[in-house]
Amino acid sequence: MRWLMWALVIVLIAVLARSLGTVHAASPSYCAAYFHPDGDGLLLTLFPVTGPEVNVPLPPGMPRSSGVIFGPDGKAIYVALGYVGLTNPEPFRKVEFGPLRQSVVPGTDGFMSIWHFTVSKPSGDIFISGILPKRGGCGTFEVDPSTGAVKTLRVGAYPGCGGGGGVVSPDGTRILDYVNDGLQVVNLETGVAQAIHGIKRGQKEGNWGSAVTWSPNGQWVSAVLSDGKILLIDSSDMSRQRRLGPSHSGFVIWSPDSKYLLLQKSQLRCLSFDSSFDSLEILEVETGRRTIVKSSRCNVGPAGGVGWLDPTVVR
């Protein structure tokens, strides 16, 4: 009997070790981050999967109303001072960490509205869909951040840009847009369009800017449907689709390594009479497993923006 007991102990230890190894392997290399107003300025807060939140200082002088876009590599953020909606908004500031520094991004000024903002990994060029009066109005534009040169890719009539707007792929070769109430992928060089079947404009939640996006590796297109469910579409075979359960906020944010999705989650414990704050949830794409980020519980307010940051650059 004693040998049987020891055999059971060994088996339990092996199972536990395997379980702990799986948890470690499934932990993101990147950290959930929250860019938000704080006092008279702005603050960047990291929410590790384990451990307490970490506040990261930002350059002084940024207005509380500023908007943010997290960089594709998790090592920088792009800040629109005062955000868009102004007559002549300032160019974006690129904020990098380790050490903290900022720089003006030439060519990103003059936008009255910005719906999509893509930083191409191969070239570093920035693709912006929005309203740019000085370049013909409504459409999609390519910005060379080293020179400030702006190239008009597609333009159209208001309010939908006549199909001129859309979400540019991470490699800068394709764009997601809608036509005739359907979603399609268009090759920017050839103009050849491929329809994505099974999703229509009336099926998504929110607007196209928040509900549809690319994975950073370009393998997947993600869409949040009108029922709040997340749909993944294989960009190389549009017929291959997966559902990953609900997105309570109507959007998802891909981790830089394309392995995880970041979602905002409403919880009853976060509700109060004078405010409503959310928590952050991480969804592992391969397994569909969801994990609440404990340090973020009831700490994400309606103002600001969330994304991913490499924690090693802010240590």
C-alpha atoms as a PDB file:
ATOM      1  CA  MET A   1       0.000   0.000   0.000  1.00  0.00           C
ATOM      2  CA  ARG A   2       2.842   2.357   0.829  1.00  0.00           C
ATOM      3  CA  TRP A   3       4.339   2.041  -2.656  1.00  0.00           C
ATOM      4  CA  LEU A   4       0.904   2.817  -4.132  1.00  0.00           C
ATOM      5  CA  MET A   5       0.630   5.954  -2.014  1.00  0.00           C
ATOM      6  CA  TRP A   6       4.057   7.150  -3.162  1.00  0.00           C
ATOM      7  CA  ALA A   7       3.135   6.417  -6.784  1.00  0.00           C
ATOM      8  CA  LEU A   8       0.036   8.590  -6.412  1.00  0.00           C
ATOM      9  CA  VAL A   9       2.119  11.382  -4.877  1.00  0.00           C
ATOM     10  CA  ILE A  10       4.571  11.257  -7.795  1.00  0.00           C
ATOM     11  CA  VAL A  11       1.726  11.378 -10.299  1.00  0.00           C
ATOM     12  CA  LEU A  12       0.162  14.365  -8.521  1.00  0.00           C
ATOM     13  CA  ILE A  13       3.496  16.204  -8.485  1.00  0.00           C
ATOM     14  CA  ALA A  14       3.957  15.559 -12.212  1.00  0.00           C
ATOM     15  CA  VAL A  15       0.438  16.779 -12.984  1.00  0.00           C
ATOM     16  CA  LEU A  16       0.965  19.904 -10.863  1.00  0.00           C
ATOM     17  CA  ALA A  17       4.313  20.645 -12.512  1.00  0.00           C
ATOM     18  CA  ARG A  18       2.781  20.267 -15.948  1.00  0.00           C
ATOM     19  CA  SER A  19      -0.088  22.542 -14.951  1.00  0.00           C
ATOM     20  CA  LEU A  20       2.252  25.214 -13.642  1.00  0.00           C
ATOM     21  CA  GLY A  21       4.345  24.957 -16.783  1.00  0.00           C
ATOM     22  CA  THR A  22       1.238  25.430 -18.928  1.00  0.00           C
ATOM     23  CA  VAL A  23       0.206  28.499 -16.972  1.00  0.00           C
ATOM     24  CA  HIS A  24       3.669  29.969 -17.375  1.00  0.00           C
ATOM     25  CA  ALA A  25       3.720  29.218 -21.098  1.00  0.00           C
ATOM     26  CA  ALA A  26       0.323  30.855 -21.533  1.00  0.00           C
ATOM     27  CA  SER A  27       1.320  34.064 -19.742  1.00  0.00           C
ATOM     28  CA  PRO A  28       1.704  37.011 -22.140  1.00  0.00           C
ATOM     29  CA  SER A  29       5.136  38.501 -22.699  1.00  0.00           C
ATOM     30  CA  TYR A  30       3.434  41.891 -22.927  1.00  0.00           C
ATOM     31  CA  CYS A  31       1.572  43.762 -20.238  1.00  0.00           C
ATOM     32  CA  ALA A  32      -1.900  45.311 -20.369  1.00  0.00           C
ATOM     33  CA  ALA A  33      -1.593  49.098 -20.199  1.00  0.00           C
ATOM     34  CA  TYR A  34      -3.997  51.966 -19.544  1.00  0.00           C
ATOM     35  CA  PHE A  35      -3.382  55.543 -20.730  1.00  0.00           C
ATOM     36  CA  HIS A  36      -5.625  57.891 -18.757  1.00  0.00           C
ATOM     37  CA  PRO A  37      -6.136  61.342 -17.201  1.00  0.00           C
ATOM     38  CA  ASP A  38      -4.585  61.855 -13.784  1.00  0.00           C
ATOM     39  CA  GLY A  39      -4.860  65.148 -11.953  1.00  0.00           C
ATOM     40  CA  ASP A  40      -3.967  67.897 -14.425  1.00  0.00           C
ATOM     41  CA  GLY A  41      -2.059  65.564 -16.725  1.00  0.00           C
ATOM     42  CA  LEU A  42      -1.854  62.004 -18.005  1.00  0.00           C
ATOM     43  CA  LEU A  43      -0.605  58.712 -16.631  1.00  0.00           C
ATOM     44  CA  LEU A  44       0.301  55.334 -18.090  1.00  0.00           C
ATOM     45  CA  THR A  45      -0.530  52.398 -15.812  1.00  0.00           C
ATOM     46  CA  LEU A  46       0.646  48.826 -16.392  1.00  0.00           C
ATOM     47  CA  PHE A  47      -1.462  45.931 -15.124  1.00  0.00           C
ATOM     48  CA  PRO A  48       0.649  42.757 -14.816  1.00  0.00           C
ATOM     49  CA  VAL A  49      -1.095  39.376 -14.862  1.00  0.00           C
ATOM     50  CA  THR A  50       0.515  38.773 -11.469  1.00  0.00           C
ATOM     51  CA  GLY A  51       1.480  41.499  -9.039  1.00  0.00           C
ATOM     52  CA  PRO A  52       0.312  45.068  -8.439  1.00  0.00           C
ATOM     53  CA  GLU A  53      -0.187  47.852 -10.966  1.00  0.00           C
ATOM     54  CA  VAL A  54       2.799  49.964 -11.992  1.00  0.00           C
ATOM     55  CA  ASN A  55       2.535  53.660 -12.879  1.00  0.00           C
ATOM     56  CA  VAL A  56       4.828  54.874 -15.651  1.00  0.00           C
ATOM     57  CA  PRO A  57       5.623  58.607 -15.946  1.00  0.00           C
ATOM     58  CA  LEU A  58       4.898  60.440 -19.191  1.00  0.00           C
ATOM     59  CA  PRO A  59       6.436  63.633 -20.579  1.00  0.00           C
ATOM     60  CA  PRO A  60       4.913  66.733 -18.963  1.00  0.00           C
ATOM     61  CA  GLY A  61       2.606  69.166 -20.726  1.00  0.00           C
ATOM     62  CA  MET A  62       0.284  66.680 -22.435  1.00  0.00           C
ATOM     63  CA  PRO A  63      -3.374  67.806 -22.231  1.00  0.00           C
ATOM     64  CA  ARG A  64      -5.822  65.563 -20.380  1.00  0.00           C
ATOM     65  CA  SER A  65      -7.891  65.250 -23.560  1.00  0.00           C
ATOM     66  CA  SER A  66      -5.039  63.655 -25.526  1.00  0.00           C
ATOM     67  CA  GLY A  67      -5.666  60.356 -27.321  1.00  0.00           C
ATOM     68  CA  VAL A  68      -3.299  57.417 -27.639  1.00  0.00           C
ATOM     69  CA  ILE A  69      -2.403  54.621 -30.049  1.00  0.00           C
ATOM     70  CA  PHE A  70      -0.084  51.867 -28.812  1.00  0.00           C
ATOM     71  CA  GLY A  71       2.825  50.987 -31.105  1.00  0.00           C
ATOM     72  CA  PRO A  72       2.950  47.592 -32.872  1.00  0.00           C
ATOM     73  CA  ASP A  73       6.040  46.395 -30.988  1.00  0.00           C
ATOM     74  CA  GLY A  74       4.833  47.315 -27.500  1.00  0.00           C
ATOM     75  CA  LYS A  75       7.741  49.715 -26.989  1.00  0.00           C
ATOM     76  CA  ALA A  76       6.211  53.084 -27.819  1.00  0.00           C
ATOM     77  CA  ILE A  77       2.936  54.988 -27.856  1.00  0.00           C
ATOM     78  CA  TYR A  78       1.669  57.637 -30.261  1.00  0.00           C
ATOM     79  CA  VAL A  79      -0.106  60.541 -28.582  1.00  0.00           C
ATOM     80  CA  ALA A  80      -2.443  63.000 -30.303  1.00  0.00           C
ATOM     81  CA  LEU A  81      -2.279  66.172 -28.211  1.00  0.00           C
ATOM     82  CA  GLY A  82      -5.792  67.426 -27.570  1.00  0.00           C
ATOM     83  CA  TYR A  83      -6.863  64.592 -29.852  1.00  0.00           C
ATOM     84  CA  VAL A  84      -8.706  65.036 -33.153  1.00  0.00           C
ATOM     85  CA  GLY A  85     -11.766  67.170 -33.846  1.00  0.00           C
ATOM     86  CA  LEU A  86      -9.796  70.410 -33.915  1.00  0.00           C
ATOM     87  CA  THR A  87      -9.418  72.542 -37.016  1.00  0.00           C
ATOM     88  CA  ASN A  88      -5.658  72.023 -37.244  1.00  0.00           C
ATOM     89  CA  PRO A  89      -4.574  69.481 -34.629  1.00  0.00           C
ATOM     90  CA  GLU A  90      -0.901  69.136 -33.848  1.00  0.00           C
ATOM     91  CA  PRO A  91       1.150  66.234 -35.187  1.00  0.00           C
ATOM     92  CA  PHE A  92       1.358  63.076 -33.109  1.00  0.00           C
ATOM     93  CA  ARG A  93       4.091  62.701 -30.518  1.00  0.00           C
ATOM     94  CA  LYS A  94       5.919  59.388 -30.365  1.00  0.00           C
ATOM     95  CA  VAL A  95       6.740  58.536 -26.746  1.00  0.00           C
ATOM     96  CA  GLU A  96       9.415  55.882 -26.177  1.00  0.00           C
ATOM     97  CA  PHE A  97      10.593  54.360 -22.925  1.00  0.00           C
ATOM     98  CA  GLY A  98      13.877  53.261 -21.359  1.00  0.00           C
ATOM     99  CA  PRO A  99      14.868  56.099 -21.284  1.00  0.00           C
ATOM    100  CA  LEU A 100      11.712  58.220 -21.536  1.00  0.00           C
ATOM    101  CA  ARG A 101      11.804  60.438 -24.622  1.00  0.00           C
ATOM    102  CA  GLN A 102       9.387  61.976 -27.102  1.00  0.00           C
ATOM    103  CA  SER A 103       9.565  63.190 -30.678  1.00  0.00           C
ATOM    104  CA  VAL A 104       7.216  64.878 -33.134  1.00  0.00           C
ATOM    105  CA  VAL A 105       5.951  62.625 -35.955  1.00  0.00           C
ATOM    106  CA  PRO A 106       6.090  64.742 -39.153  1.00  0.00           C
ATOM    107  CA  GLY A 107       3.153  64.489 -41.559  1.00  0.00           C
ATOM    108  CA  THR A 108       0.568  63.480 -38.942  1.00  0.00           C
ATOM    109  CA  ASP A 109      -0.911  66.968 -38.455  1.00  0.00           C
ATOM    110  CA  GLY A 110      -4.050  68.409 -40.039  1.00  0.00           C
ATOM    111  CA  PHE A 111      -6.407  65.475 -39.459  1.00  0.00           C
ATOM    112  CA  MET A 112      -9.887  66.462 -38.297  1.00  0.00           C
ATOM    113  CA  SER A 113     -10.880  62.844 -37.582  1.00  0.00           C
ATOM    114  CA  ILE A 114      -8.854  59.636 -37.353  1.00  0.00           C
ATOM    115  CA  TRP A 115     -10.560  56.253 -37.604  1.00  0.00           C
ATOM    116  CA  HIS A 116      -7.629  53.905 -38.163  1.00  0.00           C
ATOM    117  CA  PHE A 117      -3.912  54.264 -37.446  1.00  0.00           C
ATOM    118  CA  THR A 118      -1.489  51.537 -38.549  1.00  0.00           C
ATOM    119  CA  VAL A 119       2.281  51.553 -38.106  1.00  0.00           C
ATOM    120  CA  SER A 120       3.777  49.231 -40.716  1.00  0.00           C
ATOM    121  CA  LYS A 121       6.383  46.881 -39.270  1.00  0.00           C
ATOM    122  CA  PRO A 122       8.532  46.463 -42.396  1.00  0.00           C
ATOM    123  CA  SER A 123       8.814  50.117 -43.405  1.00  0.00           C
ATOM    124  CA  GLY A 124       7.827  52.101 -40.322  1.00  0.00           C
ATOM    125  CA  ASP A 125       5.404  54.089 -42.480  1.00  0.00           C
ATOM    126  CA  ILE A 126       2.129  55.150 -40.878  1.00  0.00           C
ATOM    127  CA  PHE A 127      -1.232  54.543 -42.550  1.00  0.00           C
ATOM    128  CA  ILE A 128      -4.092  56.764 -41.418  1.00  0.00           C
ATOM    129  CA  SER A 129      -7.750  56.629 -42.416  1.00  0.00           C
ATOM    130  CA  GLY A 130      -9.701  59.756 -41.602  1.00  0.00           C
ATOM    131  CA  ILE A 131     -10.484  63.280 -42.692  1.00  0.00           C
ATOM    132  CA  LEU A 132      -7.547  65.343 -43.957  1.00  0.00           C
ATOM    133  CA  PRO A 133      -8.880  68.500 -45.675  1.00  0.00           C
ATOM    134  CA  LYS A 134      -5.519  69.603 -47.048  1.00  0.00           C
ATOM    135  CA  ARG A 135      -5.140  66.318 -48.969  1.00  0.00           C
ATOM    136  CA  GLY A 136      -8.557  65.957 -50.554  1.00  0.00           C
ATOM    137  CA  GLY A 137     -10.744  65.271 -47.567  1.00  0.00           C
ATOM    138  CA  CYS A 138     -11.873  61.785 -46.667  1.00  0.00           C
ATOM    139  CA  GLY A 139      -9.825  58.619 -47.197  1.00  0.00           C
ATOM    140  CA  THR A 140      -6.643  56.698 -46.426  1.00  0.00           C
ATOM    141  CA  PHE A 141      -3.175  58.241 -46.397  1.00  0.00           C
ATOM    142  CA  GLU A 142       0.398  56.966 -46.071  1.00  0.00           C
ATOM    143  CA  VAL A 143       2.837  59.022 -44.000  1.00  0.00           C
ATOM    144  CA  ASP A 144       6.614  58.695 -44.100  1.00  0.00           C
ATOM    145  CA  PRO A 145       7.543  59.654 -40.502  1.00  0.00           C
ATOM    146  CA  SER A 146      11.175  60.296 -41.413  1.00  0.00           C
ATOM    147  CA  THR A 147      10.374  63.024 -43.964  1.00  0.00           C
ATOM    148  CA  GLY A 148       6.762  63.977 -43.265  1.00  0.00           C
ATOM    149  CA  ALA A 149       5.769  63.161 -46.836  1.00  0.00           C
ATOM    150  CA  VAL A 150       2.084  62.264 -47.187  1.00  0.00           C
ATOM    151  CA  LYS A 151       0.749  60.064 -49.982  1.00  0.00           C
ATOM    152  CA  THR A 152      -2.959  59.815 -50.761  1.00  0.00           C
ATOM    153  CA  LEU A 153      -3.930  56.172 -51.251  1.00  0.00           C
ATOM    154  CA  ARG A 154      -7.734  56.320 -51.512  1.00  0.00           C
ATOM    155  CA  VAL A 155     -10.263  59.128 -51.210  1.00  0.00           C
ATOM    156  CA  GLY A 156     -14.025  59.361 -51.499  1.00  0.00           C
ATOM    157  CA  ALA A 157     -17.089  61.388 -50.649  1.00  0.00           C
ATOM    158  CA  TYR A 158     -18.392  62.033 -47.156  1.00  0.00           C
ATOM    159  CA  PRO A 159     -19.521  60.538 -44.864  1.00  0.00           C
ATOM    160  CA  GLY A 160     -18.111  57.073 -45.564  1.00  0.00           C
ATOM    161  CA  CYS A 161     -15.337  58.156 -47.935  1.00  0.00           C
ATOM    162  CA  GLY A 162     -17.016  56.130 -50.687  1.00  0.00           C
ATOM    163  CA  GLY A 163     -15.021  53.107 -49.586  1.00  0.00           C
ATOM    164  CA  GLY A 164     -11.839  55.184 -49.321  1.00  0.00           C
ATOM    165  CA  GLY A 165     -11.377  54.596 -45.613  1.00  0.00           C
ATOM    166  CA  GLY A 166     -10.437  51.335 -43.955  1.00  0.00           C
ATOM    167  CA  VAL A 167      -7.971  49.414 -41.816  1.00  0.00           C
ATOM    168  CA  VAL A 168      -4.579  48.887 -43.469  1.00  0.00           C
ATOM    169  CA  SER A 169      -2.809  45.577 -42.858  1.00  0.00           C
ATOM    170  CA  PRO A 170       0.407  45.530 -40.792  1.00  0.00           C
ATOM    171  CA  ASP A 171       2.544  45.023 -43.910  1.00  0.00           C
ATOM    172  CA  GLY A 172       0.856  47.951 -45.683  1.00  0.00           C
ATOM    173  CA  THR A 173      -0.330  45.909 -48.674  1.00  0.00           C
ATOM    174  CA  ARG A 174      -4.054  45.382 -47.988  1.00  0.00           C
ATOM    175  CA  ILE A 175      -6.972  47.312 -46.567  1.00  0.00           C
ATOM    176  CA  LEU A 176     -10.186  46.227 -44.869  1.00  0.00           C
ATOM    177  CA  ASP A 177     -13.209  48.247 -45.923  1.00  0.00           C
ATOM    178  CA  TYR A 178     -16.897  47.831 -46.547  1.00  0.00           C
ATOM    179  CA  VAL A 179     -18.932  48.137 -49.697  1.00  0.00           C
ATOM    180  CA  ASN A 180     -22.618  47.394 -50.301  1.00  0.00           C
ATOM    181  CA  ASP A 181     -22.987  46.673 -46.580  1.00  0.00           C
ATOM    182  CA  GLY A 182     -20.356  43.915 -46.700  1.00  0.00           C
ATOM    183  CA  LEU A 183     -16.746  43.602 -45.557  1.00  0.00           C
ATOM    184  CA  GLN A 184     -13.928  43.049 -48.028  1.00  0.00           C
ATOM    185  CA  VAL A 185     -10.137  42.976 -48.284  1.00  0.00           C
ATOM    186  CA  VAL A 186      -8.597  45.075 -51.061  1.00  0.00           C
ATOM    187  CA  ASN A 187      -5.056  44.751 -52.406  1.00  0.00           C
ATOM    188  CA  LEU A 188      -3.717  48.324 -52.369  1.00  0.00           C
ATOM    189  CA  GLU A 189      -1.372  47.716 -55.311  1.00  0.00           C
ATOM    190  CA  THR A 190      -3.692  45.873 -57.695  1.00  0.00           C
ATOM    191  CA  GLY A 191      -7.091  47.034 -56.448  1.00  0.00           C
ATOM    192  CA  VAL A 192      -8.351  43.435 -56.430  1.00  0.00           C
ATOM    193  CA  ALA A 193     -11.041  42.961 -53.775  1.00  0.00           C
ATOM    194  CA  GLN A 194     -12.022  39.788 -51.940  1.00  0.00           C
ATOM    195  CA  ALA A 195     -15.321  39.673 -50.057  1.00  0.00           C
ATOM    196  CA  ILE A 196     -15.507  38.242 -46.555  1.00  0.00           C
ATOM    197  CA  HIS A 197     -18.642  36.137 -46.474  1.00  0.00           C
ATOM    198  CA  GLY A 198     -20.667  35.657 -43.330  1.00  0.00           C
ATOM    199  CA  ILE A 199     -20.343  39.195 -42.023  1.00  0.00           C
ATOM    200  CA  LYS A 200     -22.344  42.237 -43.053  1.00  0.00           C
ATOM    201  CA  ARG A 201     -22.245  45.848 -42.014  1.00  0.00           C
ATOM    202  CA  GLY A 202     -25.446  45.487 -40.004  1.00  0.00           C
ATOM    203  CA  GLN A 203     -23.971  42.572 -38.054  1.00  0.00           C
ATOM    204  CA  LYS A 204     -21.195  44.350 -36.266  1.00  0.00           C
ATOM    205  CA  GLU A 205     -21.303  46.389 -33.093  1.00  0.00           C
ATOM    206  CA  GLY A 206     -20.123  49.975 -32.797  1.00  0.00           C
ATOM    207  CA  ASN A 207     -18.387  51.261 -35.937  1.00  0.00           C
ATOM    208  CA  TRP A 208     -15.922  49.721 -38.344  1.00  0.00           C
ATOM    209  CA  GLY A 209     -13.043  51.497 -36.655  1.00  0.00           C
ATOM    210  CA  SER A 210     -13.440  49.698 -33.348  1.00  0.00           C
ATOM    211  CA  ALA A 211     -15.081  46.459 -34.420  1.00  0.00           C
ATOM    212  CA  VAL A 212     -12.751  45.267 -37.206  1.00  0.00           C
ATOM    213  CA  THR A 213      -8.960  44.973 -37.126  1.00  0.00           C
ATOM    214  CA  TRP A 214      -5.916  42.928 -38.214  1.00  0.00           C
ATOM    215  CA  SER A 215      -3.712  40.757 -36.063  1.00  0.00           C
ATOM    216  CA  PRO A 216      -0.150  42.174 -35.989  1.00  0.00           C
ATOM    217  CA  ASN A 217       1.196  39.192 -37.949  1.00  0.00           C
ATOM    218  CA  GLY A 218      -1.468  39.712 -40.632  1.00  0.00           C
ATOM    219  CA  GLN A 219      -2.785  36.168 -40.253  1.00  0.00           C
ATOM    220  CA  TRP A 220      -6.194  37.061 -38.832  1.00  0.00           C
ATOM    221  CA  VAL A 221      -8.937  39.613 -39.270  1.00  0.00           C
ATOM    222  CA  SER A 222     -10.982  40.073 -36.118  1.00  0.00           C
ATOM    223  CA  ALA A 223     -14.534  41.409 -36.081  1.00  0.00           C
ATOM    224  CA  VAL A 224     -17.033  41.972 -33.292  1.00  0.00           C
ATOM    225  CA  LEU A 225     -20.550  41.161 -34.500  1.00  0.00           C
ATOM    226  CA  SER A 226     -23.810  42.775 -33.456  1.00  0.00           C
ATOM    227  CA  ASP A 227     -24.417  39.961 -30.964  1.00  0.00           C
ATOM    228  CA  GLY A 228     -21.162  40.948 -29.247  1.00  0.00           C
ATOM    229  CA  LYS A 229     -19.323  37.792 -30.332  1.00  0.00           C
ATOM    230  CA  ILE A 230     -15.738  37.850 -31.592  1.00  0.00           C
ATOM    231  CA  LEU A 231     -15.178  36.393 -35.060  1.00  0.00           C
ATOM    232  CA  LEU A 232     -11.707  35.526 -36.395  1.00  0.00           C
ATOM    233  CA  ILE A 233     -11.223  35.223 -40.152  1.00  0.00           C
ATOM    234  CA  ASP A 234      -8.127  33.658 -41.703  1.00  0.00           C
ATOM    235  CA  SER A 235      -6.772  36.352 -44.034  1.00  0.00           C
ATOM    236  CA  SER A 236      -5.340  33.739 -46.423  1.00  0.00           C
ATOM    237  CA  ASP A 237      -8.587  31.738 -46.588  1.00  0.00           C
ATOM    238  CA  MET A 238     -11.655  33.853 -45.772  1.00  0.00           C
ATOM    239  CA  SER A 239     -13.816  30.743 -45.410  1.00  0.00           C
ATOM    240  CA  ARG A 240     -11.855  29.675 -42.325  1.00  0.00           C
ATOM    241  CA  GLN A 241     -13.525  31.400 -39.398  1.00  0.00           C
ATOM    242  CA  ARG A 242     -13.562  30.945 -35.623  1.00  0.00           C
ATOM    243  CA  ARG A 243     -15.730  32.347 -32.842  1.00  0.00           C
ATOM    244  CA  LEU A 244     -14.112  33.277 -29.551  1.00  0.00           C
ATOM    245  CA  GLY A 245     -17.043  34.264 -27.366  1.00  0.00           C
ATOM    246  CA  PRO A 246     -18.203  37.745 -26.342  1.00  0.00           C
ATOM    247  CA  SER A 247     -16.542  41.138 -26.285  1.00  0.00           C
ATOM    248  CA  HIS A 248     -18.484  43.250 -23.813  1.00  0.00           C
ATOM    249  CA  SER A 249     -16.927  46.502 -25.017  1.00  0.00           C
ATOM    250  CA  GLY A 250     -17.431  45.898 -28.743  1.00  0.00           C
ATOM    251  CA  PHE A 251     -13.726  45.816 -29.612  1.00  0.00           C
ATOM    252  CA  VAL A 252     -10.559  43.758 -29.071  1.00  0.00           C
ATOM    253  CA  ILE A 253      -6.873  44.724 -28.990  1.00  0.00           C
ATOM    254  CA  TRP A 254      -4.243  42.317 -30.305  1.00  0.00           C
ATOM    255  CA  SER A 255      -1.002  41.718 -28.424  1.00  0.00           C
ATOM    256  CA  PRO A 256       2.126  42.498 -30.498  1.00  0.00           C
ATOM    257  CA  ASP A 257       2.889  38.765 -30.842  1.00  0.00           C
ATOM    258  CA  SER A 258      -0.684  38.020 -32.090  1.00  0.00           C
ATOM    259  CA  LYS A 259      -1.222  35.431 -29.336  1.00  0.00           C
ATOM    260  CA  TYR A 260      -3.674  37.298 -27.122  1.00  0.00           C
ATOM    261  CA  LEU A 261      -6.617  39.671 -27.242  1.00  0.00           C
ATOM    262  CA  LEU A 262      -7.187  42.378 -24.647  1.00  0.00           C
ATOM    263  CA  LEU A 263     -10.779  43.188 -23.744  1.00  0.00           C
ATOM    264  CA  GLN A 264     -12.543  45.507 -21.329  1.00  0.00           C
ATOM    265  CA  LYS A 265     -14.994  43.661 -19.096  1.00  0.00           C
ATOM    266  CA  SER A 266     -17.845  45.116 -17.081  1.00  0.00           C
ATOM    267  CA  GLN A 267     -18.297  43.587 -13.650  1.00  0.00           C
ATOM    268  CA  LEU A 268     -21.066  44.159 -11.118  1.00  0.00           C
ATOM    269  CA  ARG A 269     -18.472  44.681  -8.405  1.00  0.00           C
ATOM    270  CA  CYS A 270     -17.216  47.758 -10.293  1.00  0.00           C
ATOM    271  CA  LEU A 271     -20.544  49.592 -10.481  1.00  0.00           C
ATOM    272  CA  SER A 272     -21.219  52.581  -8.247  1.00  0.00           C
ATOM    273  CA  PHE A 273     -23.717  55.408  -8.089  1.00  0.00           C
ATOM    274  CA  ASP A 274     -21.371  58.079  -9.449  1.00  0.00           C
ATOM    275  CA  SER A 275     -19.085  56.192 -11.845  1.00  0.00           C
ATOM    276  CA  SER A 276     -18.618  53.005 -13.833  1.00  0.00           C
ATOM    277  CA  PHE A 277     -15.202  51.416 -14.177  1.00  0.00           C
ATOM    278  CA  ASP A 278     -14.214  48.217 -15.983  1.00  0.00           C
ATOM    279  CA  SER A 279     -11.645  45.469 -15.573  1.00  0.00           C
ATOM    280  CA  LEU A 280      -9.326  44.049 -18.235  1.00  0.00           C
ATOM    281  CA  GLU A 281      -9.509  40.504 -19.538  1.00  0.00           C
ATOM    282  CA  ILE A 282      -6.919  38.596 -21.579  1.00  0.00           C
ATOM    283  CA  LEU A 283      -8.101  36.026 -24.118  1.00  0.00           C
ATOM    284  CA  GLU A 284      -5.610  33.462 -25.411  1.00  0.00           C
ATOM    285  CA  VAL A 285      -6.331  33.045 -29.132  1.00  0.00           C
ATOM    286  CA  GLU A 286      -5.145  29.450 -29.487  1.00  0.00           C
ATOM    287  CA  THR A 287      -7.130  27.999 -26.586  1.00  0.00           C
ATOM    288  CA  GLY A 288      -9.900  30.556 -26.053  1.00  0.00           C
ATOM    289  CA  ARG A 289      -8.995  30.697 -22.365  1.00  0.00           C
ATOM    290  CA  ARG A 290      -9.827  33.961 -20.582  1.00  0.00           C
ATOM    291  CA  THR A 291      -8.063  35.485 -17.591  1.00  0.00           C
ATOM    292  CA  ILE A 292      -9.113  38.548 -15.616  1.00  0.00           C
ATOM    293  CA  VAL A 293      -6.138  40.814 -14.919  1.00  0.00           C
ATOM    294  CA  LYS A 294      -6.550  41.124 -11.161  1.00  0.00           C
ATOM    295  CA  SER A 295      -4.540  44.321 -10.813  1.00  0.00           C
ATOM    296  CA  SER A 296      -6.896  46.038 -13.287  1.00  0.00           C
ATOM    297  CA  ARG A 297     -10.132  45.213 -11.471  1.00  0.00           C
ATOM    298  CA  CYS A 298     -12.417  48.266 -11.427  1.00  0.00           C
ATOM    299  CA  ASN A 299      -9.437  50.472 -12.410  1.00  0.00           C
ATOM    300  CA  VAL A 300     -10.201  51.210 -16.084  1.00  0.00           C
ATOM    301  CA  GLY A 301     -12.431  54.250 -16.537  1.00  0.00           C
ATOM    302  CA  PRO A 302     -14.374  55.551 -19.541  1.00  0.00           C
ATOM    303  CA  ALA A 303     -11.672  58.107 -20.408  1.00  0.00           C
ATOM    304  CA  GLY A 304      -8.331  57.150 -21.939  1.00  0.00           C
ATOM    305  CA  GLY A 305      -7.243  54.109 -23.922  1.00  0.00           C
ATOM    306  CA  VAL A 306      -5.923  50.589 -23.363  1.00  0.00           C
ATOM    307  CA  GLY A 307      -3.294  48.536 -25.161  1.00  0.00           C
ATOM    308  CA  TRP A 308      -0.149  46.447 -24.711  1.00  0.00           C
ATOM    309  CA  LEU A 309       3.333  47.435 -23.572  1.00  0.00           C
ATOM    310  CA  ASP A 310       6.576  45.499 -23.196  1.00  0.00           C
ATOM    311  CA  PRO A 311       7.266  45.728 -19.441  1.00  0.00           C
ATOM    312  CA  THR A 312      11.028  45.431 -19.950  1.00  0.00           C
ATOM    313  CA  VAL A 313      11.232  48.882 -21.568  1.00  0.00           C
ATOM    314  CA  VAL A 314       9.861  50.707 -18.510  1.00  0.00           C
ATOM    315  CA  ARG A 315      11.922  49.029 -15.789  1.00  0.00           C
END
